[in-house]
């Protein structure tokens, strides 16, 4: 009976939260796009050239708890490369990759790592000229080239003042979203979207829209570079083998023309020319072979490392989506992408991003609750302690969790329980926690599971996909402890959400003075 009552209470809470979060007077926008884009690769990036891609995309904009929510998903296909080659710059070396002669399977492995589009919005009011704005829309982690499924993406909740780009400043820079001055003010964006005359503009299948719709695209061309590296290594190995064979052929001709050798007495030093390949030629052949193998390994390692980094970014986004259990992790084909967008919106309403929810304390009850950005109460005070929301979760202390930290979603339901008294906000799907006995830090996921072991003496929140951590390696005490300096040696660096080192580890020494508690005469 108790379980049934709890389930009923949860259902009521979810229903009430979704209803309270709705914003019926805000225009809801949605449109599908079928585009062919000719994109110029930035000259300061991996390659310089033009690519033609087909993009099928859905864009959706709604509001939740008075805050904007943007959802974009897409599939893509690399159609062609304008011209005959792409020019790469790597380690000061200019590399030209020719389309002709490369297997189709190699081009099939080209990846789209990141893509942000500008969705055109238009407000057509009677008696006045049409007004335009642009909605930045990141499609998230894409599937493979030619995969018909939509990309892995989580609905985002940008601030109103960072929502719509103004047409006058849109084309002034390649990355217009980096400058706040390029956006409409919050009041302008709200008025634009609440107008019943506003809609997402239809765009035809036209290569010319690249200059207006593409804010940025980043491709993974490492399959091409890796294939060319293999070709270089094979050609160089062949040249070394041919040079060695030629030296041996010449040595054999010379040896055949020499007079018969006299028997060599025991103990005599070996005479030059007794071997088919003299020591100098043998040494040259060995050095050439070692150099070729070393260069091939260096190229292969550099390519594998770069490819691994781009793959890690994709996996991180998939982890972020998987962590949002209320959103699901299903990517539909483009024929069903509209339904997938509806499921994403429903899931987002269920658990909410919690964007802008701020903890506050009631001075009478001394309990904590949450307020919306406009100052209205979203969650009545009922927690012993609360922190601001991050990635859809707010850290709280509540009698139901005992002495340990818990996390609630935007409707107040406890969704993550921990066994730790200290913890941090969620970022990149993880939150740091500290053991009360060992004082060591580690990280948990959104299920409360420890995914990075508690092994650090210091650990921070993930920012831009990395977190700073350090471990105490050694404490060196001075001989005269009184008023002398001790030294703590740390190993520190930055880790990824997978727990692997992104930079470091490197050594850091921290000197500190041991104060005298007593002084002897």
Protein backbone atom coordinates (compact mmCIF):
# COMPACT_ATOMS: atom_id res chain seq x y z
CA UNK A 1 0.00 0.00 0.00
CA UNK A 2 2.81 2.38 0.89
CA UNK A 3 4.51 1.74 -2.47
CA UNK A 4 1.27 2.48 -4.32
CA UNK A 5 0.81 5.73 -2.43
CA UNK A 6 4.40 6.73 -3.16
CA UNK A 7 3.90 6.00 -6.86
CA UNK A 8 0.70 8.07 -6.86
CA UNK A 9 2.46 10.96 -5.13
CA UNK A 10 5.28 10.82 -7.68
CA UNK A 11 2.81 10.83 -10.56
CA UNK A 12 0.99 13.81 -9.09
CA UNK A 13 4.30 15.63 -8.59
CA UNK A 14 5.33 14.99 -12.17
CA UNK A 15 1.98 16.10 -13.51
CA UNK A 16 1.95 19.23 -11.39
CA UNK A 17 5.54 20.06 -12.37
CA UNK A 18 4.85 19.70 -16.08
CA UNK A 19 1.71 21.81 -15.85
CA UNK A 20 3.37 24.53 -13.80
CA UNK A 21 6.30 24.64 -16.19
CA UNK A 22 4.21 25.21 -19.31
CA UNK A 23 4.23 28.58 -21.05
CA UNK A 24 1.17 28.56 -23.34
CA UNK A 25 1.54 32.14 -24.61
CA UNK A 26 4.95 31.45 -26.15
CA UNK A 27 5.06 30.42 -29.80
CA UNK A 28 6.21 26.81 -30.31
CA UNK A 29 8.30 26.38 -33.45
CA UNK A 30 9.34 23.26 -35.36
CA UNK A 31 10.55 22.54 -38.88
CA UNK A 32 12.36 19.86 -40.86
CA UNK A 33 15.13 20.71 -43.31
CA UNK A 34 16.55 18.76 -46.25
CA UNK A 35 19.72 20.58 -47.33
CA UNK A 36 22.69 20.24 -49.63
CA UNK A 37 25.55 22.38 -48.32
CA UNK A 38 28.85 23.39 -49.89
CA UNK A 39 31.04 24.19 -46.90
CA UNK A 40 34.44 25.92 -47.00
CA UNK A 41 36.75 24.35 -44.44
CA UNK A 42 38.43 26.94 -42.19
CA UNK A 43 42.06 27.48 -43.28
CA UNK A 44 43.25 27.51 -39.66
CA UNK A 45 41.85 24.06 -38.96
CA UNK A 46 42.85 20.56 -40.09
CA UNK A 47 42.18 21.05 -43.77
CA UNK A 48 41.66 23.67 -46.44
CA UNK A 49 39.15 22.95 -49.16
CA UNK A 50 35.43 22.56 -49.90
CA UNK A 51 33.11 19.69 -49.05
CA UNK A 52 29.54 19.07 -50.15
CA UNK A 53 27.28 17.36 -47.61
CA UNK A 54 23.62 16.41 -47.53
CA UNK A 55 21.98 17.23 -44.19
CA UNK A 56 18.56 16.15 -42.96
CA UNK A 57 17.67 18.02 -39.80
CA UNK A 58 14.84 18.83 -37.44
CA UNK A 59 14.83 21.97 -35.29
CA UNK A 60 12.45 22.59 -32.41
CA UNK A 61 12.03 25.50 -29.98
CA UNK A 62 9.73 25.64 -26.97
CA UNK A 63 9.71 26.98 -23.42
CA UNK A 64 9.68 25.28 -20.04
CA UNK A 65 9.23 27.09 -16.73
CA UNK A 66 9.47 30.31 -18.70
CA UNK A 67 12.90 29.42 -20.11
CA UNK A 68 13.72 28.63 -23.77
CA UNK A 69 14.55 25.07 -24.83
CA UNK A 70 16.25 24.26 -28.15
CA UNK A 71 16.37 20.79 -29.70
CA UNK A 72 18.17 19.90 -32.95
CA UNK A 73 18.97 16.53 -34.48
CA UNK A 74 20.33 15.55 -37.90
CA UNK A 75 21.84 12.90 -40.13
CA UNK A 76 24.41 13.64 -42.81
CA UNK A 77 26.14 12.22 -45.88
CA UNK A 78 29.41 13.34 -47.45
CA UNK A 79 28.53 13.79 -51.09
CA UNK A 80 31.65 15.24 -52.70
CA UNK A 81 34.84 17.25 -52.35
CA UNK A 82 35.04 20.39 -54.48
CA UNK A 83 38.19 20.13 -56.58
CA UNK A 84 40.51 17.15 -56.63
CA UNK A 85 42.18 17.33 -53.23
CA UNK A 86 42.25 18.59 -49.65
CA UNK A 87 45.36 20.30 -48.28
CA UNK A 88 46.37 19.51 -44.69
CA UNK A 89 48.97 21.14 -42.49
CA UNK A 90 50.45 18.90 -39.78
CA UNK A 91 53.70 19.32 -37.85
CA UNK A 92 54.83 21.96 -40.36
CA UNK A 93 54.27 19.54 -43.25
CA UNK A 94 51.85 20.32 -46.08
CA UNK A 95 49.90 17.23 -47.13
CA UNK A 96 47.70 17.01 -50.21
CA UNK A 97 45.07 14.29 -50.16
CA UNK A 98 43.86 13.34 -53.62
CA UNK A 99 40.31 12.04 -53.96
CA UNK A 100 41.34 10.04 -57.01
CA UNK A 101 42.80 6.68 -56.08
CA UNK A 102 41.47 6.60 -52.51
CA UNK A 103 39.12 3.70 -51.75
CA UNK A 104 35.48 4.62 -51.18
CA UNK A 105 35.65 2.91 -47.77
CA UNK A 106 38.24 5.45 -46.60
CA UNK A 107 36.01 8.39 -47.49
CA UNK A 108 33.10 6.59 -45.85
CA UNK A 109 34.97 6.82 -42.53
CA UNK A 110 35.15 10.63 -42.60
CA UNK A 111 33.29 11.89 -39.53
CA UNK A 112 31.33 15.02 -38.67
CA UNK A 113 32.52 15.87 -35.16
CA UNK A 114 30.57 19.04 -34.53
CA UNK A 115 28.07 21.17 -36.42
CA UNK A 116 26.12 24.28 -35.44
CA UNK A 117 23.50 25.70 -37.76
CA UNK A 118 21.63 29.01 -37.78
CA UNK A 119 17.91 28.31 -38.15
CA UNK A 120 16.20 31.28 -39.83
CA UNK A 121 13.19 32.75 -38.02
CA UNK A 122 10.90 35.36 -39.58
CA UNK A 123 8.20 37.61 -38.16
CA UNK A 124 5.76 38.80 -40.82
CA UNK A 125 3.39 41.36 -39.35
CA UNK A 126 0.67 42.94 -41.50
CA UNK A 127 1.60 46.37 -42.76
CA UNK A 128 5.32 46.11 -41.96
CA UNK A 129 8.38 44.51 -43.50
CA UNK A 130 9.44 41.05 -42.37
CA UNK A 131 11.89 40.85 -39.47
CA UNK A 132 14.53 38.12 -39.25
CA UNK A 133 16.49 36.41 -36.53
CA UNK A 134 18.70 33.33 -36.37
CA UNK A 135 18.53 30.48 -33.85
CA UNK A 136 21.92 28.75 -33.18
CA UNK A 137 21.26 25.03 -33.27
CA UNK A 138 23.92 22.42 -32.36
CA UNK A 139 23.02 18.93 -33.59
CA UNK A 140 25.12 17.12 -30.96
CA UNK A 141 27.06 13.91 -31.57
CA UNK A 142 26.40 12.64 -35.07
CA UNK A 143 26.28 9.07 -36.28
CA UNK A 144 28.51 7.79 -39.08
CA UNK A 145 28.60 9.21 -42.59
CA UNK A 146 25.46 8.01 -44.35
CA UNK A 147 23.75 6.66 -41.21
CA UNK A 148 20.05 7.59 -41.55
CA UNK A 149 19.49 7.96 -37.79
CA UNK A 150 19.34 11.32 -36.09
CA UNK A 151 22.23 12.57 -33.98
CA UNK A 152 22.63 12.08 -30.22
CA UNK A 153 21.61 15.33 -28.59
CA UNK A 154 20.15 16.74 -25.39
CA UNK A 155 17.72 19.69 -25.44
CA UNK A 156 19.63 22.81 -24.44
CA UNK A 157 18.42 25.74 -22.37
CA UNK A 158 20.30 28.89 -23.38
CA UNK A 159 19.69 32.19 -21.65
CA UNK A 160 17.16 34.48 -23.33
CA UNK A 161 19.93 36.99 -24.01
CA UNK A 162 21.94 34.28 -25.83
CA UNK A 163 19.10 32.78 -27.84
CA UNK A 164 18.59 34.69 -31.11
CA UNK A 165 21.26 36.23 -33.34
CA UNK A 166 20.42 39.54 -34.98
CA UNK A 167 20.60 39.63 -38.80
CA UNK A 168 22.69 42.80 -38.82
CA UNK A 169 25.56 41.14 -36.95
CA UNK A 170 25.10 37.57 -38.09
CA UNK A 171 27.67 37.56 -40.92
CA UNK A 172 30.22 39.87 -39.31
CA UNK A 173 32.25 36.96 -37.94
CA UNK A 174 32.67 33.22 -38.44
CA UNK A 175 31.70 32.51 -34.81
CA UNK A 176 29.02 35.13 -34.11
CA UNK A 177 27.79 33.37 -30.96
CA UNK A 178 31.08 34.20 -29.20
CA UNK A 179 30.06 37.85 -28.87
CA UNK A 180 27.05 38.74 -26.73
CA UNK A 181 26.59 41.93 -28.80
CA UNK A 182 25.49 39.77 -31.76
CA UNK A 183 22.38 38.56 -29.90
CA UNK A 184 19.00 40.13 -29.30
CA UNK A 185 18.39 41.28 -25.75
CA UNK A 186 16.27 39.04 -23.55
CA UNK A 187 13.28 41.35 -23.93
CA UNK A 188 13.64 41.45 -27.73
CA UNK A 189 13.95 37.66 -27.98
CA UNK A 190 10.87 37.07 -25.81
CA UNK A 191 8.81 39.57 -27.81
CA UNK A 192 9.99 38.03 -31.10
CA UNK A 193 9.04 34.49 -30.07
CA UNK A 194 5.76 35.35 -28.37
CA UNK A 195 4.47 37.01 -31.53
CA UNK A 196 1.92 34.79 -33.36
CA UNK A 197 3.42 36.08 -36.63
CA UNK A 198 6.81 34.38 -35.96
CA UNK A 199 7.72 31.12 -37.69
CA UNK A 200 10.73 29.08 -38.76
CA UNK A 201 11.51 29.97 -42.35
CA UNK A 202 11.47 27.33 -45.06
CA UNK A 203 14.82 26.80 -46.78
CA UNK A 204 15.16 25.00 -50.10
CA UNK A 205 17.71 22.34 -51.00
CA UNK A 206 20.32 24.83 -52.17
CA UNK A 207 24.10 24.87 -51.85
CA UNK A 208 24.07 28.66 -51.50
CA UNK A 209 22.46 28.49 -48.04
CA UNK A 210 25.86 27.46 -46.59
CA UNK A 211 26.82 31.11 -46.24
CA UNK A 212 23.75 31.85 -44.14
CA UNK A 213 22.89 28.63 -42.30
CA UNK A 214 26.22 27.09 -41.31
CA UNK A 215 27.80 28.66 -38.24
CA UNK A 216 30.50 26.02 -37.99
CA UNK A 217 31.29 22.42 -38.93
CA UNK A 218 34.23 20.29 -37.86
CA UNK A 219 35.10 17.14 -39.78
CA UNK A 220 37.25 14.18 -38.78
CA UNK A 221 39.54 13.48 -41.75
CA UNK A 222 41.92 11.19 -39.85
CA UNK A 223 40.82 8.15 -41.87
CA UNK A 224 42.22 9.89 -44.98
CA UNK A 225 45.47 10.85 -43.27
CA UNK A 226 45.87 7.37 -41.80
CA UNK A 227 45.36 5.76 -45.21
CA UNK A 228 47.92 8.10 -46.79
CA UNK A 229 50.39 7.42 -43.95
CA UNK A 230 50.08 3.70 -44.68
CA UNK A 231 50.73 4.37 -48.36
CA UNK A 232 53.79 6.50 -47.53
CA UNK A 233 55.15 3.81 -45.21
CA UNK A 234 54.63 1.07 -47.81
CA UNK A 235 56.29 3.14 -50.56
CA UNK A 236 59.26 4.07 -48.37
CA UNK A 237 59.72 0.47 -47.25
CA UNK A 238 59.65 -0.59 -50.90
CA UNK A 239 62.31 2.03 -51.79
CA UNK A 240 64.56 0.87 -48.94
CA UNK A 241 64.20 -2.76 -50.05
CA UNK A 242 64.97 -1.80 -53.68
CA UNK A 243 68.09 0.17 -52.64
CA UNK A 244 69.29 -2.76 -50.50
CA UNK A 245 68.70 -5.19 -53.38
CA UNK A 246 70.65 -2.91 -55.74
CA UNK A 247 73.58 -2.71 -53.30
CA UNK A 248 73.63 -6.48 -53.00
CA UNK A 249 73.52 -6.88 -56.79
CA UNK A 250 76.50 -4.53 -57.23
CA UNK A 251 78.39 -6.27 -54.40
CA UNK A 252 77.79 -9.63 -56.09
CA UNK A 253 79.15 -8.33 -59.43
CA UNK A 254 82.27 -6.95 -57.73
CA UNK A 255 82.83 -10.16 -55.80
CA UNK A 256 82.53 -12.21 -59.01
CA UNK A 257 85.33 -10.20 -60.66
CA UNK A 258 87.78 -10.54 -57.75
CA UNK A 259 90.60 -13.14 -57.94
CA UNK A 260 90.32 -16.24 -55.84
CA UNK A 261 91.00 -15.54 -52.18
CA UNK A 262 94.00 -17.10 -50.46
CA UNK A 263 93.24 -19.19 -47.40
CA UNK A 264 93.10 -17.04 -44.30
CA UNK A 265 95.37 -18.11 -41.48
CA UNK A 266 93.82 -18.55 -38.04
CA UNK A 267 93.99 -15.32 -36.06
CA UNK A 268 94.29 -13.05 -39.12
CA UNK A 269 92.04 -9.99 -39.14
CA UNK A 270 89.11 -10.24 -41.58
CA UNK A 271 89.78 -8.58 -44.93
CA UNK A 272 87.42 -6.05 -46.52
CA UNK A 273 85.33 -7.48 -49.33
CA UNK A 274 85.12 -11.00 -47.90
CA UNK A 275 81.32 -10.55 -47.35
CA UNK A 276 78.78 -10.05 -50.10
CA UNK A 277 77.62 -6.80 -48.42
CA UNK A 278 80.41 -4.87 -46.71
CA UNK A 279 79.90 -3.54 -43.15
CA UNK A 280 79.25 0.05 -44.26
CA UNK A 281 76.49 -0.92 -46.68
CA UNK A 282 75.00 -3.24 -44.06
CA UNK A 283 74.97 -0.37 -41.56
CA UNK A 284 73.26 1.98 -44.08
CA UNK A 285 70.60 -0.64 -44.79
CA UNK A 286 69.93 -1.14 -41.08
CA UNK A 287 69.66 2.62 -40.40
CA UNK A 288 67.29 3.14 -43.32
CA UNK A 289 65.04 0.30 -42.14
CA UNK A 290 64.97 1.61 -38.56
CA UNK A 291 64.21 5.18 -39.76
CA UNK A 292 61.36 4.07 -42.02
CA UNK A 293 59.78 1.98 -39.25
CA UNK A 294 60.19 4.79 -36.71
CA UNK A 295 58.65 7.42 -38.97
CA UNK A 296 55.74 5.12 -39.75
CA UNK A 297 55.10 4.54 -36.04
CA UNK A 298 55.27 8.29 -35.29
CA UNK A 299 52.74 9.07 -38.02
CA UNK A 300 50.49 6.24 -36.94
CA UNK A 301 50.64 7.29 -33.29
CA UNK A 302 49.84 10.95 -34.10
CA UNK A 303 46.89 9.96 -36.27
CA UNK A 304 45.55 7.50 -33.70
CA UNK A 305 45.86 10.09 -30.92
CA UNK A 306 43.98 12.76 -32.88
CA UNK A 307 41.30 10.31 -33.94
CA UNK A 308 40.94 9.13 -30.33
CA UNK A 309 40.38 12.70 -29.12
CA UNK A 310 37.59 13.32 -31.61
CA UNK A 311 36.06 9.96 -30.72
CA UNK A 312 36.20 10.86 -27.03
CA UNK A 313 34.21 14.03 -27.67
CA UNK A 314 31.50 12.03 -29.43
CA UNK A 315 31.41 9.46 -26.63
CA UNK A 316 31.17 12.20 -24.01
CA UNK A 317 28.04 13.56 -25.65
CA UNK A 318 26.53 10.10 -25.83
CA UNK A 319 27.28 9.68 -22.10
CA UNK A 320 25.58 12.98 -21.35
CA UNK A 321 22.47 11.84 -23.18
CA UNK A 322 22.51 8.38 -21.59
CA UNK A 323 22.76 10.03 -18.18
CA UNK A 324 19.50 11.85 -18.80
CA UNK A 325 17.46 8.70 -18.30
CA UNK A 326 14.20 10.60 -18.57
CA UNK A 327 15.11 11.59 -22.15
CA UNK A 328 15.93 8.12 -23.39
CA UNK A 329 18.84 7.26 -25.64
CA UNK A 330 17.05 6.29 -28.84
CA UNK A 331 17.98 7.86 -32.16
CA UNK A 332 15.33 7.39 -34.83
CA UNK A 333 15.69 7.46 -38.59
CA UNK A 334 14.83 10.79 -40.19
CA UNK A 335 11.45 9.42 -41.26
CA UNK A 336 10.60 9.15 -37.56
CA UNK A 337 12.63 12.11 -36.34
CA UNK A 338 9.56 14.21 -35.64
CA UNK A 339 8.35 11.57 -33.18
CA UNK A 340 11.84 11.43 -31.65
CA UNK A 341 11.69 15.20 -31.12
CA UNK A 342 8.32 14.83 -29.40
CA UNK A 343 9.76 12.17 -27.09
CA UNK A 344 12.70 14.45 -26.30
CA UNK A 345 10.33 17.29 -25.42
CA UNK A 346 8.21 15.04 -23.22
CA UNK A 347 11.28 13.70 -21.45
CA UNK A 348 12.66 17.19 -21.00
CA UNK A 349 9.37 18.31 -19.42
CA UNK A 350 9.46 15.29 -17.12
CA UNK A 351 12.90 15.82 -15.61
CA UNK A 352 13.56 19.36 -16.90
CA UNK A 353 16.91 21.01 -17.29
CA UNK A 354 16.24 22.99 -14.13
CA UNK A 355 17.80 25.93 -15.95
CA UNK A 356 17.97 28.96 -13.71
CA UNK A 357 16.60 27.30 -10.56
CA UNK A 358 18.27 28.96 -7.57
CA UNK A 359 18.25 27.69 -4.00
CA UNK A 360 16.87 29.99 -1.31
CA UNK A 361 16.35 29.77 2.45
CA UNK A 362 13.15 30.51 4.34
CA UNK A 363 14.18 32.47 7.42
CA UNK A 364 11.21 31.27 9.47
CA UNK A 365 11.45 27.53 8.86
CA UNK A 366 15.21 27.62 8.10
CA UNK A 367 14.51 25.19 5.26
CA UNK A 368 15.59 25.51 1.64
CA UNK A 369 13.59 25.55 -1.59
CA UNK A 370 14.06 26.72 -5.19
CA UNK A 371 13.08 29.85 -7.09
CA UNK A 372 12.73 30.49 -10.81
CA UNK A 373 14.79 33.20 -12.54
CA UNK A 374 11.88 35.64 -12.22
CA UNK A 375 11.94 35.24 -8.41
CA UNK A 376 8.77 33.16 -8.11
CA UNK A 377 8.85 30.05 -5.92
CA UNK A 378 9.22 26.87 -7.94
CA UNK A 379 9.77 24.42 -5.06
CA UNK A 380 8.54 25.16 -1.55
CA UNK A 381 11.19 25.05 1.24
CA UNK A 382 11.49 21.49 2.58
CA UNK A 383 15.20 20.67 2.40
CA UNK A 384 17.75 20.96 5.21
CA UNK A 385 20.26 22.24 2.64
CA UNK A 386 20.17 22.91 -1.11
CA UNK A 387 22.51 24.03 -3.90
CA UNK A 388 21.70 25.59 -7.27
CA UNK A 389 20.69 23.30 -10.13
CA UNK A 390 23.28 21.98 -12.58
CA UNK A 391 22.57 19.65 -15.53
CA UNK A 392 19.00 19.15 -14.38
CA UNK A 393 19.81 18.18 -10.78
CA UNK A 394 19.96 20.07 -7.51
CA UNK A 395 22.06 18.85 -4.57
CA UNK A 396 20.06 18.64 -1.31
CA UNK A 397 20.06 17.21 2.20
CA UNK A 398 16.76 15.70 3.30
CA UNK A 399 15.65 13.33 6.12
CA UNK A 400 14.83 10.69 3.49
CA UNK A 401 18.56 10.57 2.63
CA UNK A 402 19.82 10.41 6.22
CA UNK A 403 23.15 12.16 6.65
CA UNK A 404 24.14 11.73 3.02
CA UNK A 405 23.85 13.99 -0.04
CA UNK A 406 21.01 13.46 -2.51
CA UNK A 407 20.00 15.08 -5.80
CA UNK A 408 16.50 16.09 -6.90
CA UNK A 409 15.09 16.84 -10.35
CA UNK A 410 13.11 19.95 -11.23
CA UNK A 411 9.85 18.53 -9.86
CA UNK A 412 11.42 17.82 -6.47
CA UNK A 413 11.75 14.04 -6.75
CA UNK A 414 14.89 12.46 -5.27
CA UNK A 415 16.54 10.76 -8.24
CA UNK A 416 20.15 10.23 -7.08
CA UNK A 417 21.10 8.90 -3.64
CA UNK A 418 24.71 8.79 -2.50
CA UNK A 419 26.64 7.37 0.43
CA UNK A 420 28.75 10.49 0.83
CA UNK A 421 28.43 13.56 3.05
CA UNK A 422 30.24 15.88 0.63
CA UNK A 423 29.66 16.14 -3.10
CA UNK A 424 29.72 18.66 -5.93
CA UNK A 425 27.42 19.73 -8.78
CA UNK A 426 26.97 17.61 -11.88
CA UNK A 427 28.94 18.50 -14.99
CA UNK A 428 29.63 16.29 -18.02
CA UNK A 429 27.29 13.78 -16.35
CA UNK A 430 29.54 13.38 -13.27
CA UNK A 431 29.83 14.90 -9.78
CA UNK A 432 32.79 14.74 -7.40
CA UNK A 433 32.30 13.06 -4.01
CA UNK A 434 34.51 12.75 -0.92
CA UNK A 435 34.80 9.83 1.47
CA UNK A 436 34.31 10.94 5.07
CA UNK A 437 36.91 8.46 6.39
CA UNK A 438 39.78 8.58 3.89
CA UNK A 439 39.02 12.13 2.65
CA UNK A 440 39.72 10.87 -0.89
CA UNK A 441 37.81 12.20 -3.91
CA UNK A 442 36.24 10.39 -6.84
CA UNK A 443 33.27 10.82 -9.19
CA UNK A 444 29.75 9.40 -9.43
CA UNK A 445 27.36 9.32 -12.40
CA UNK A 446 23.68 10.26 -12.49
CA UNK A 447 22.74 6.83 -11.21
CA UNK A 448 24.81 7.37 -8.06
CA UNK A 449 27.40 4.80 -9.15
CA UNK A 450 31.09 5.47 -8.51
CA UNK A 451 32.58 5.54 -12.00
CA UNK A 452 35.97 7.12 -11.19
CA UNK A 453 37.43 5.57 -8.00
CA UNK A 454 38.06 7.66 -4.88
CA UNK A 455 41.80 8.08 -5.29
CA UNK A 456 42.48 11.83 -5.39
CA UNK A 457 43.39 14.22 -2.58
CA UNK A 458 41.82 17.08 -4.52
CA UNK A 459 39.25 17.04 -7.33
CA UNK A 460 37.23 19.72 -9.11
CA UNK A 461 34.09 20.02 -11.19
CA UNK A 462 34.33 19.25 -14.90
CA UNK A 463 34.66 22.35 -17.08
CA UNK A 464 34.78 22.09 -20.87
CA UNK A 465 35.04 18.32 -20.55
CA UNK A 466 38.03 18.18 -18.15
CA UNK A 467 38.48 18.23 -14.37
CA UNK A 468 41.57 19.15 -12.38
CA UNK A 469 42.72 16.48 -9.90
CA UNK A 470 45.78 15.87 -7.75
CA UNK A 471 47.14 13.05 -5.58
CA UNK A 472 49.56 13.34 -2.66
CA UNK A 473 52.62 11.28 -3.53
CA UNK A 474 54.99 12.06 -0.66
CA UNK A 475 55.34 14.28 2.42
CA UNK A 476 58.91 15.35 3.22
CA UNK A 477 59.41 16.53 6.77
CA UNK A 478 62.26 18.84 7.70
CA UNK A 479 64.76 17.62 10.24
CA UNK A 480 64.08 20.56 12.53
CA UNK A 481 60.27 20.56 12.52
CA UNK A 482 59.99 23.67 14.67
CA UNK A 483 59.57 26.74 12.42
CA UNK A 484 60.96 24.89 9.41
CA UNK A 485 59.40 24.08 6.04
CA UNK A 486 57.88 20.70 5.15
CA UNK A 487 57.19 19.72 1.55
CA UNK A 488 54.17 17.92 0.08
CA UNK A 489 54.72 16.40 -3.37
CA UNK A 490 51.59 16.10 -5.56
CA UNK A 491 50.92 14.46 -8.89
CA UNK A 492 48.34 16.56 -10.71
CA UNK A 493 46.71 17.10 -14.08
CA UNK A 494 43.39 17.05 -15.92
CA UNK A 495 41.18 14.01 -16.57
CA UNK A 496 38.30 13.32 -18.95
CA UNK A 497 34.87 11.99 -17.85
CA UNK A 498 36.19 8.54 -18.78
CA UNK A 499 38.86 8.90 -16.06
CA UNK A 500 41.78 9.10 -18.50
CA UNK A 501 44.48 11.77 -18.40
CA UNK A 502 43.97 14.67 -20.80
CA UNK A 503 47.02 16.58 -19.57
CA UNK A 504 49.63 15.51 -17.05
CA UNK A 505 50.14 14.09 -14.59
CA UNK A 506 52.97 16.36 -13.52
CA UNK A 507 54.69 16.97 -10.21
CA UNK A 508 53.87 19.92 -7.95
CA UNK A 509 55.69 20.68 -4.68
CA UNK A 510 53.92 22.57 -1.92
CA UNK A 511 56.07 23.93 0.91
CA UNK A 512 54.45 24.81 4.22
CA UNK A 513 55.83 25.97 7.57
CA UNK A 514 55.41 23.80 10.64
CA UNK A 515 54.77 26.26 13.44
CA UNK A 516 56.34 25.84 16.89
CA UNK A 517 53.81 24.84 19.48
CA UNK A 518 56.31 24.95 22.36
CA UNK A 519 59.90 26.09 22.67
CA UNK A 520 62.45 24.38 24.88
CA UNK A 521 65.06 26.41 26.81
